[in-house]
């Protein structure tokens, strides 16, 4: 769900150097954390949009229902 460098930071679970690098850059403000946060909030609003998700779920159920009736 995170786009590395755009809405957060990803690293391999065993790469402590990469984790430390990202944390240091955040605390040293070498990374614009406000911009990063704004982007993630925008992404989250779309991802968790109730109407959009309900419509998509209804479409999925409709497709499944049609496939079951064809069997």
C-alpha atoms as a PDB file:
ATOM      1  CA  UNK A   1       0.000   0.000   0.000  1.00  0.00           C
ATOM      2  CA  UNK A   2       3.010   2.255   0.392  1.00  0.00           C
ATOM      3  CA  UNK A   3       4.743   3.650  -2.647  1.00  0.00           C
ATOM      4  CA  UNK A   4       8.388   3.762  -1.655  1.00  0.00           C
ATOM      5  CA  UNK A   5       9.669   7.311  -1.377  1.00  0.00           C
ATOM      6  CA  UNK A   6       6.272   8.785  -2.270  1.00  0.00           C
ATOM      7  CA  UNK A   7       3.940   7.869   0.593  1.00  0.00           C
ATOM      8  CA  UNK A   8       6.367   6.146   2.941  1.00  0.00           C
ATOM      9  CA  UNK A   9       9.520   4.078   2.947  1.00  0.00           C
ATOM     10  CA  UNK A  10      10.048   0.393   2.374  1.00  0.00           C
ATOM     11  CA  UNK A  11      13.036  -1.700   3.330  1.00  0.00           C
ATOM     12  CA  UNK A  12      13.841  -5.370   3.605  1.00  0.00           C
ATOM     13  CA  UNK A  13      13.018  -6.637   7.088  1.00  0.00           C
ATOM     14  CA  UNK A  14      16.657  -7.590   7.646  1.00  0.00           C
ATOM     15  CA  UNK A  15      18.210  -4.397   6.238  1.00  0.00           C
ATOM     16  CA  UNK A  16      18.773  -2.402   9.405  1.00  0.00           C
ATOM     17  CA  UNK A  17      21.129  -0.007   7.611  1.00  0.00           C
ATOM     18  CA  UNK A  18      18.373   1.055   5.197  1.00  0.00           C
ATOM     19  CA  UNK A  19      15.946   1.471   8.095  1.00  0.00           C
ATOM     20  CA  UNK A  20      18.463   3.582  10.008  1.00  0.00           C
ATOM     21  CA  UNK A  21      19.195   5.648   6.880  1.00  0.00           C
ATOM     22  CA  UNK A  22      15.488   6.425   6.400  1.00  0.00           C
ATOM     23  CA  UNK A  23      14.928   7.275  10.070  1.00  0.00           C
ATOM     24  CA  UNK A  24      17.974   9.572  10.166  1.00  0.00           C
ATOM     25  CA  UNK A  25      16.840  11.355   7.001  1.00  0.00           C
ATOM     26  CA  UNK A  26      13.360  11.871   8.417  1.00  0.00           C
ATOM     27  CA  UNK A  27      14.700  13.331  11.674  1.00  0.00           C
ATOM     28  CA  UNK A  28      17.272  15.473   9.852  1.00  0.00           C
ATOM     29  CA  UNK A  29      14.435  16.783   7.646  1.00  0.00           C
ATOM     30  CA  UNK A  30      16.233  15.707   4.495  1.00  0.00           C
ATOM     31  CA  UNK A  31      12.862  14.267   3.555  1.00  0.00           C
ATOM     32  CA  UNK A  32       9.822  16.489   3.264  1.00  0.00           C
ATOM     33  CA  UNK A  33       7.659  14.593   5.744  1.00  0.00           C
ATOM     34  CA  UNK A  34       4.734  16.996   5.380  1.00  0.00           C
ATOM     35  CA  UNK A  35       4.572  16.349   1.632  1.00  0.00           C
ATOM     36  CA  UNK A  36       4.942  12.612   2.227  1.00  0.00           C
ATOM     37  CA  UNK A  37       2.091  12.715   4.734  1.00  0.00           C
ATOM     38  CA  UNK A  38      -0.180  14.762   2.444  1.00  0.00           C
ATOM     39  CA  UNK A  39       0.328  12.274  -0.380  1.00  0.00           C
ATOM     40  CA  UNK A  40      -0.508   9.311   1.847  1.00  0.00           C
ATOM     41  CA  UNK A  41      -3.641  11.017   3.161  1.00  0.00           C
ATOM     42  CA  UNK A  42      -4.807  11.574  -0.428  1.00  0.00           C
ATOM     43  CA  UNK A  43      -4.109   7.938  -1.302  1.00  0.00           C
ATOM     44  CA  UNK A  44      -5.876   6.738   1.851  1.00  0.00           C
ATOM     45  CA  UNK A  45      -9.019   8.762   1.064  1.00  0.00           C
ATOM     46  CA  UNK A  46      -9.277   7.008  -2.286  1.00  0.00           C
ATOM     47  CA  UNK A  47      -8.371   3.576  -0.901  1.00  0.00           C
ATOM     48  CA  UNK A  48     -10.925   3.781   1.915  1.00  0.00           C
ATOM     49  CA  UNK A  49     -13.720   5.537   0.035  1.00  0.00           C
ATOM     50  CA  UNK A  50     -16.878   3.779   1.275  1.00  0.00           C
ATOM     51  CA  UNK A  51     -18.987   4.480  -1.809  1.00  0.00           C
ATOM     52  CA  UNK A  52     -16.305   3.387  -4.251  1.00  0.00           C
ATOM     53  CA  UNK A  53     -15.503   0.247  -2.257  1.00  0.00           C
ATOM     54  CA  UNK A  54     -19.196  -0.673  -1.911  1.00  0.00           C
ATOM     55  CA  UNK A  55     -19.731  -0.250  -5.657  1.00  0.00           C
ATOM     56  CA  UNK A  56     -16.709  -2.392  -6.443  1.00  0.00           C
ATOM     57  CA  UNK A  57     -17.816  -5.086  -3.995  1.00  0.00           C
ATOM     58  CA  UNK A  58     -21.310  -5.106  -5.530  1.00  0.00           C
ATOM     59  CA  UNK A  59     -19.752  -5.593  -8.989  1.00  0.00           C
ATOM     60  CA  UNK A  60     -17.648  -8.489  -7.686  1.00  0.00           C
ATOM     61  CA  UNK A  61     -20.709 -10.163  -6.143  1.00  0.00           C
ATOM     62  CA  UNK A  62     -22.628  -9.648  -9.376  1.00  0.00           C
ATOM     63  CA  UNK A  63     -19.894 -11.329 -11.419  1.00  0.00           C
ATOM     64  CA  UNK A  64     -19.694 -14.236  -8.972  1.00  0.00           C
ATOM     65  CA  UNK A  65     -23.480 -14.600  -8.957  1.00  0.00           C
ATOM     66  CA  UNK A  66     -23.586 -14.722 -12.776  1.00  0.00           C
ATOM     67  CA  UNK A  67     -20.838 -17.329 -12.870  1.00  0.00           C
ATOM     68  CA  UNK A  68     -22.629 -19.498 -10.307  1.00  0.00           C
ATOM     69  CA  UNK A  69     -25.892 -19.337 -12.293  1.00  0.00           C
ATOM     70  CA  UNK A  70     -24.054 -20.454 -15.439  1.00  0.00           C
ATOM     71  CA  UNK A  71     -22.781 -23.625 -13.761  1.00  0.00           C
END
